[in-house]
Protein backbone atom coordinates (compact mmCIF):
# COMPACT_ATOMS: atom_id res chain seq x y z
CA MET A 1 -13.55 6.54 18.80
CA ASN A 2 -14.82 3.22 17.45
CA HIS A 3 -17.02 1.72 20.15
CA ASP A 4 -18.03 -1.44 18.28
CA ARG A 5 -15.27 -3.57 19.74
CA PRO A 6 -15.67 -2.30 23.34
CA ALA A 7 -19.42 -2.83 23.10
CA ALA A 8 -18.89 -6.38 21.90
CA ALA A 9 -16.41 -6.93 24.70
CA ARG A 10 -18.99 -5.60 27.17
CA ARG A 11 -21.55 -8.14 26.00
CA ALA A 12 -19.07 -11.00 26.12
CA VAL A 13 -17.95 -10.13 29.65
CA LEU A 14 -21.48 -9.84 30.98
CA ARG A 15 -22.58 -13.17 29.50
CA GLY A 16 -20.94 -14.67 32.55
CA ALA A 17 -17.50 -15.50 31.26
CA VAL A 18 -14.97 -14.74 33.95
CA ALA A 19 -12.16 -13.17 31.99
CA VAL A 20 -9.37 -13.39 34.47
CA GLY A 21 -6.83 -13.28 31.69
CA ALA A 22 -3.21 -14.26 31.97
CA ALA A 23 -2.64 -11.04 33.80
CA LEU A 24 0.86 -9.74 34.07
CA ALA A 25 2.91 -12.10 36.13
CA ALA A 26 3.94 -10.35 39.29
CA GLY A 27 7.67 -10.11 38.99
CA PRO A 28 10.24 -9.65 41.71
CA GLY A 29 10.29 -6.51 43.78
CA ARG A 30 7.22 -4.44 44.41
CA ALA A 31 4.57 -7.10 43.68
CA GLN A 32 6.26 -9.65 45.93
CA SER A 33 6.39 -7.23 48.86
CA TYR A 34 2.90 -5.85 48.24
CA PRO A 35 0.95 -5.37 50.39
CA ALA A 36 3.18 -4.59 53.35
CA ARG A 37 0.50 -2.77 55.34
CA PRO A 38 -3.33 -2.56 55.54
CA LEU A 39 -5.30 -1.50 52.46
CA ARG A 40 -8.19 0.94 52.27
CA LEU A 41 -11.19 0.10 50.09
CA VAL A 42 -13.38 3.17 49.65
CA VAL A 43 -17.08 2.59 49.05
CA PRO A 44 -18.58 5.79 47.64
CA TYR A 45 -22.08 4.83 48.82
CA PRO A 46 -23.79 4.35 52.20
CA ALA A 47 -23.32 1.29 54.37
CA GLY A 48 -25.83 -1.51 53.89
CA GLY A 49 -26.38 -1.13 50.15
CA ALA A 50 -25.36 -3.61 47.46
CA VAL A 51 -22.03 -1.89 46.70
CA ASP A 52 -21.16 -1.89 50.40
CA ILE A 53 -22.10 -5.55 50.83
CA VAL A 54 -20.07 -6.67 47.81
CA SER A 55 -17.11 -4.55 48.95
CA ARG A 56 -17.13 -6.11 52.41
CA LEU A 57 -17.33 -9.62 50.97
CA LEU A 58 -14.33 -8.85 48.77
CA ALA A 59 -12.41 -7.11 51.57
CA GLU A 60 -12.67 -10.20 53.75
CA LYS A 61 -11.35 -12.44 50.96
CA LEU A 62 -8.52 -10.08 50.05
CA ALA A 63 -7.47 -9.77 53.68
CA GLY A 64 -7.10 -13.54 53.85
CA ALA A 65 -5.17 -13.67 50.60
CA PHE A 66 -2.86 -10.75 51.38
CA GLY A 67 -2.37 -11.36 55.08
CA GLN A 68 -3.21 -7.71 55.64
CA GLN A 69 -6.32 -5.95 56.88
CA VAL A 70 -8.53 -4.42 54.18
CA ILE A 71 -10.43 -1.52 55.74
CA VAL A 72 -13.75 -0.65 54.12
CA GLU A 73 -14.43 3.08 54.30
CA ASN A 74 -17.82 4.51 53.32
CA ARG A 75 -17.55 7.97 51.74
CA ALA A 76 -21.04 8.50 50.40
CA GLY A 77 -22.47 11.48 48.56
CA ALA A 78 -23.13 13.01 45.14
CA ALA A 79 -23.99 9.68 43.46
CA GLY A 80 -20.57 8.26 44.28
CA LEU A 81 -18.50 11.25 43.19
CA ILE A 82 -17.21 12.19 46.65
CA GLY A 83 -15.63 8.84 47.44
CA ALA A 84 -14.32 8.32 43.92
CA GLU A 85 -12.69 11.76 43.88
CA ALA A 86 -11.01 11.05 47.22
CA VAL A 87 -9.31 7.94 45.83
CA ALA A 88 -8.34 9.70 42.59
CA ARG A 89 -6.30 12.15 44.71
CA MET A 90 -4.58 9.48 46.82
CA PRO A 91 -1.10 8.02 46.15
CA ALA A 92 -1.02 5.39 43.40
CA ASP A 93 0.67 2.73 45.52
CA GLY A 94 -2.11 0.15 45.74
CA TYR A 95 -3.09 0.96 49.31
CA ALA A 96 -6.17 2.98 48.34
CA LEU A 97 -8.79 1.46 46.04
CA VAL A 98 -12.38 2.38 45.19
CA MET A 99 -15.39 0.25 44.32
CA ALA A 100 -16.75 2.42 41.53
CA THR A 101 -20.02 1.86 39.65
CA VAL A 102 -21.76 2.59 36.39
CA SER A 103 -23.16 5.71 38.09
CA SER A 104 -19.83 7.16 39.23
CA HIS A 105 -17.77 6.18 36.19
CA ALA A 106 -20.11 6.00 33.18
CA ILE A 107 -23.28 8.02 33.77
CA ALA A 108 -21.99 10.89 35.91
CA PRO A 109 -19.96 12.56 33.11
CA SER A 110 -23.22 13.12 31.19
CA VAL A 111 -25.51 14.18 34.04
CA TYR A 112 -23.18 16.53 35.94
CA ARG A 113 -21.99 19.79 34.42
CA LYS A 114 -18.83 19.80 36.49
CA MET A 115 -17.05 16.55 37.24
CA PRO A 116 -14.42 16.49 40.01
CA TYR A 117 -12.43 13.86 38.12
CA ASP A 118 -12.04 12.17 34.74
CA PRO A 119 -13.31 8.56 35.12
CA VAL A 120 -10.81 7.31 32.54
CA ALA A 121 -7.73 9.52 32.89
CA ASP A 122 -7.71 9.81 36.70
CA PHE A 123 -7.99 6.10 37.54
CA SER A 124 -6.19 2.83 37.00
CA PRO A 125 -8.76 0.13 36.19
CA ILE A 126 -8.25 -3.22 37.89
CA THR A 127 -11.31 -5.44 37.31
CA LEU A 128 -15.07 -5.61 37.23
CA THR A 129 -16.43 -7.38 40.29
CA ALA A 130 -20.21 -7.75 39.89
CA ALA A 131 -23.07 -6.85 37.58
CA THR A 132 -26.84 -6.85 37.73
CA PRO A 133 -29.47 -6.52 35.02
CA TYR A 134 -32.78 -4.83 35.72
CA VAL A 135 -36.25 -6.29 35.37
CA ILE A 136 -38.83 -4.50 33.22
CA THR A 137 -41.82 -4.77 35.50
CA VAL A 138 -45.42 -3.58 35.40
CA ASN A 139 -48.24 -3.28 37.88
CA PRO A 140 -50.65 -6.22 37.34
CA GLY A 141 -53.35 -3.74 36.40
CA VAL A 142 -51.46 -2.87 33.20
CA ALA A 143 -53.01 -4.73 30.26
CA ALA A 144 -49.71 -6.11 28.97
CA THR A 145 -48.36 -9.60 29.51
CA SER A 146 -45.39 -9.28 27.16
CA LEU A 147 -42.84 -6.61 26.26
CA GLN A 148 -44.30 -6.17 22.80
CA ALA A 149 -47.76 -5.73 24.32
CA LEU A 150 -46.38 -3.03 26.63
CA ILE A 151 -44.81 -1.23 23.68
CA ALA A 152 -48.08 -1.38 21.73
CA LEU A 153 -50.05 -0.14 24.74
CA ALA A 154 -47.63 2.74 25.31
CA LYS A 155 -47.79 3.77 21.67
CA ALA A 156 -51.60 3.64 21.64
CA ASN A 157 -51.76 5.73 24.83
CA PRO A 158 -48.69 8.02 24.67
CA THR A 159 -49.33 9.83 27.99
CA ALA A 160 -51.04 7.08 29.98
CA LEU A 161 -48.05 5.22 31.37
CA ALA A 162 -45.34 6.41 33.76
CA PHE A 163 -42.18 4.66 34.87
CA GLY A 164 -40.65 5.15 38.29
CA SER A 165 -36.95 5.17 39.13
CA SER A 166 -34.71 5.54 42.16
CA GLY A 167 -33.85 9.09 41.08
CA ASN A 168 -32.89 11.41 38.25
CA GLY A 169 -29.75 10.31 36.45
CA THR A 170 -29.70 6.83 38.00
CA THR A 171 -29.23 3.72 35.88
CA PRO A 172 -32.94 2.72 36.26
CA HIS A 173 -33.89 6.20 35.01
CA LEU A 174 -31.61 5.96 31.98
CA ALA A 175 -32.69 2.36 31.37
CA GLY A 176 -36.22 3.70 30.96
CA GLU A 177 -35.07 6.48 28.65
CA LEU A 178 -33.11 3.99 26.54
CA PHE A 179 -36.30 1.92 26.33
CA ASN A 180 -38.25 4.95 25.14
CA THR A 181 -35.63 5.65 22.46
CA LEU A 182 -35.43 2.12 21.09
CA ALA A 183 -39.11 1.24 21.45
CA GLY A 184 -40.42 4.58 20.18
CA THR A 185 -42.50 5.13 23.32
CA THR A 186 -43.01 8.15 25.58
CA LEU A 187 -43.28 6.67 29.07
CA THR A 188 -43.23 9.55 31.57
CA HIS A 189 -40.41 9.46 34.12
CA VAL A 190 -41.25 9.85 37.82
CA PRO A 191 -38.14 10.04 40.05
CA TYR A 192 -38.13 8.85 43.67
CA LYS A 193 -35.60 9.06 46.48
CA GLY A 194 -34.54 5.44 46.22
CA SER A 195 -36.00 2.17 45.00
CA ALA A 196 -38.08 1.35 48.09
CA PRO A 197 -40.64 4.19 47.80
CA MET A 198 -40.78 3.71 44.04
CA VAL A 199 -41.60 0.00 44.36
CA THR A 200 -44.30 0.82 46.92
CA ASP A 201 -45.96 3.15 44.42
CA LEU A 202 -45.48 0.64 41.60
CA ILE A 203 -47.36 -1.99 43.61
CA GLY A 204 -49.99 0.62 44.44
CA GLY A 205 -50.40 1.65 40.80
CA GLN A 206 -49.24 5.27 41.17
CA VAL A 207 -46.64 4.44 38.52
CA GLN A 208 -47.18 1.61 36.08
CA VAL A 209 -43.72 0.53 34.90
CA ALA A 210 -40.23 0.20 36.37
CA PHE A 211 -36.73 -0.87 35.35
CA ASP A 212 -35.38 -2.08 38.67
CA ASN A 213 -33.37 -4.85 40.35
CA THR A 214 -35.17 -4.94 43.71
CA VAL A 215 -38.52 -6.19 42.39
CA ILE A 216 -37.83 -9.94 42.20
CA PRO A 217 -39.49 -10.86 45.54
CA HIS A 218 -42.60 -8.91 44.51
CA VAL A 219 -42.68 -10.62 41.11
CA LYS A 220 -42.47 -14.03 42.76
CA ALA A 221 -45.24 -13.06 45.18
CA GLY A 222 -47.50 -11.99 42.31
CA ARG A 223 -47.61 -8.34 43.31
CA LEU A 224 -45.83 -7.30 40.11
CA ARG A 225 -45.50 -8.75 36.61
CA ALA A 226 -42.07 -9.16 34.98
CA LEU A 227 -41.97 -8.74 31.21
CA ALA A 228 -38.26 -8.85 30.41
CA VAL A 229 -34.73 -8.67 31.79
CA THR A 230 -32.46 -5.85 30.62
CA GLY A 231 -29.21 -7.83 30.57
CA PRO A 232 -27.73 -10.12 27.91
CA THR A 233 -28.80 -13.29 29.73
CA ARG A 234 -31.81 -14.45 31.71
CA LEU A 235 -31.83 -14.30 35.50
CA ALA A 236 -31.52 -17.54 37.44
CA ALA A 237 -34.12 -16.17 39.87
CA LEU A 238 -36.63 -15.61 37.02
CA PRO A 239 -35.68 -18.19 34.38
CA GLU A 240 -39.00 -17.93 32.56
CA VAL A 241 -38.59 -14.18 31.92
CA PRO A 242 -36.90 -13.44 28.56
CA THR A 243 -34.26 -10.83 27.92
CA ALA A 244 -35.48 -7.67 26.22
CA GLN A 245 -33.69 -8.71 23.05
CA GLU A 246 -35.33 -12.15 23.15
CA ALA A 247 -38.63 -10.33 23.58
CA GLY A 248 -38.04 -8.40 20.36
CA LEU A 249 -36.43 -5.13 21.45
CA ALA A 250 -33.23 -5.24 19.42
CA GLY A 251 -30.17 -3.53 20.83
CA TYR A 252 -31.60 -2.99 24.29
CA GLU A 253 -29.23 -3.66 27.19
CA ALA A 254 -28.90 -1.87 30.53
CA VAL A 255 -26.71 -3.33 33.25
CA GLY A 256 -25.67 -2.02 36.64
CA TRP A 257 -22.06 -2.86 37.41
CA MET A 258 -19.32 -2.21 39.93
CA GLY A 259 -15.58 -2.51 39.60
CA LEU A 260 -12.29 -1.97 41.38
CA PHE A 261 -10.09 1.01 40.51
CA GLY A 262 -6.96 2.63 41.90
CA PRO A 263 -5.60 6.12 41.37
CA ARG A 264 -3.95 6.94 38.05
CA GLY A 265 -0.45 5.51 37.75
CA LEU A 266 -0.98 2.33 39.75
CA PRO A 267 1.99 0.02 39.01
CA ALA A 268 0.96 -2.67 36.54
CA GLU A 269 2.29 -5.49 38.68
CA VAL A 270 0.29 -4.27 41.68
CA ALA A 271 -2.88 -3.99 39.58
CA ALA A 272 -2.25 -7.53 38.30
CA ARG A 273 -1.87 -8.90 41.84
CA VAL A 274 -5.09 -7.25 43.04
CA GLN A 275 -6.91 -8.35 39.90
CA ALA A 276 -5.86 -11.98 40.27
CA GLU A 277 -6.85 -12.16 43.94
CA THR A 278 -10.13 -10.37 43.26
CA ALA A 279 -11.00 -12.81 40.47
CA ARG A 280 -10.27 -15.71 42.82
CA ALA A 281 -12.37 -14.13 45.58
CA MET A 282 -15.35 -13.44 43.34
CA ARG A 283 -15.42 -17.09 42.22
CA ALA A 284 -15.69 -18.38 45.80
CA PRO A 285 -18.99 -20.28 46.27
CA ASP A 286 -20.02 -18.28 49.35
CA VAL A 287 -19.48 -15.03 47.44
CA THR A 288 -21.39 -16.10 44.33
CA GLU A 289 -24.25 -17.37 46.51
CA ARG A 290 -24.45 -14.07 48.40
CA LEU A 291 -24.33 -12.10 45.16
CA ALA A 292 -27.16 -14.17 43.69
CA GLY A 293 -29.28 -13.24 46.70
CA LEU A 294 -28.68 -9.59 45.83
CA GLY A 295 -29.53 -10.16 42.16
CA PHE A 296 -25.89 -9.83 41.07
CA GLN A 297 -23.49 -12.01 39.12
CA ALA A 298 -19.77 -12.18 39.81
CA VAL A 299 -18.00 -10.79 36.74
CA THR A 300 -14.27 -10.10 36.47
CA ASN A 301 -11.99 -9.02 33.64
CA THR A 302 -8.53 -7.58 33.01
CA PRO A 303 -7.47 -3.95 33.56
CA GLU A 304 -7.29 -3.44 29.79
CA ALA A 305 -10.76 -4.88 29.24
CA LEU A 306 -12.21 -2.77 32.06
CA ARG A 307 -10.79 0.42 30.54
CA ALA A 308 -12.38 -0.38 27.17
CA TYR A 309 -15.65 -1.27 28.88
CA VAL A 310 -15.80 2.02 30.79
CA GLU A 311 -15.11 4.01 27.62
CA ALA A 312 -17.90 2.17 25.80
CA GLU A 313 -20.31 2.70 28.70
CA ILE A 314 -19.54 6.43 28.88
CA ALA A 315 -20.31 6.80 25.17
CA LYS A 316 -23.47 4.69 25.42
CA TRP A 317 -25.03 6.60 28.30
CA ALA A 318 -23.99 9.96 26.84
CA ARG A 319 -26.08 9.12 23.78
CA VAL A 320 -29.05 8.20 25.97
CA VAL A 321 -28.78 11.47 27.91
CA ARG A 322 -28.63 13.49 24.69
CA GLN A 323 -31.53 11.65 23.05
CA ALA A 324 -33.68 11.99 26.18
CA ARG A 325 -32.70 15.68 26.46
CA ILE A 326 -31.78 15.28 30.11
CA GLN A 327 -30.32 18.53 31.38
CA PRO A 328 -27.06 18.09 33.34
CA GLU A 329 -27.15 19.28 36.94
């Protein structure tokens, strides 16, 4: 498969362009009568997290647009696999949707020996909803004030620096491994059970580096030092911090994303209706403001573009897993 075009599409989408697209016009019949009853939006992660918050924001907007209740259902477990699998097995009528993520639909195929679903074949893509880059951050005690200085320090002291993550196989973990591959460094990975304990140890100096999206308040308070952003554009919250590519690490990009999917076989006109209303909802000022507070950007695209994006992401993270010699669970 040629991934050059999907990769380029991924970069274009995440530069902030909202690619609503002239999605299929909902013709007479099913799209006009849809939805005729409440919808279920499955969140394959616990309540209170970023995916849950974004899903509830969207559910409220969709309920207003559709005139039907949109019930958010948390089905957490196995890095998102449990909830995603549940929706994959549901009827493809548009009344069951899932807010999937880079973990459940792009990374999981490479880090789990046995997948309960195929993230491409078993789902109908609808649209991306939000994306977040990570911040390459160091403890202030690390003698590096730029990304190139960090790379030089890591090369001069191959076993001296460790990077923390929210767990094995998570996007922050793989973001660090991708950094090692492209920068030629050997930062040691230290997994934690979530970002909160990792950030505590990062501030305390037990680990020296992190690729994380929860560190911004600590950077602003001076407890941590930001060297670069892992996305294709700078963060509004840290406008002075360059992207990794601006800082000289060519080809480096790691973005956390979430998107809306239905079961395989979702009627095209139903997908188009949901996509159009989701794009409208994600552009609402109150939604974009809330997302910014979470470190996310509203990003939407077409079903076709989302499928290509997922395929490119699967291939990208599979290469990282192979190069880092991460053993599937």
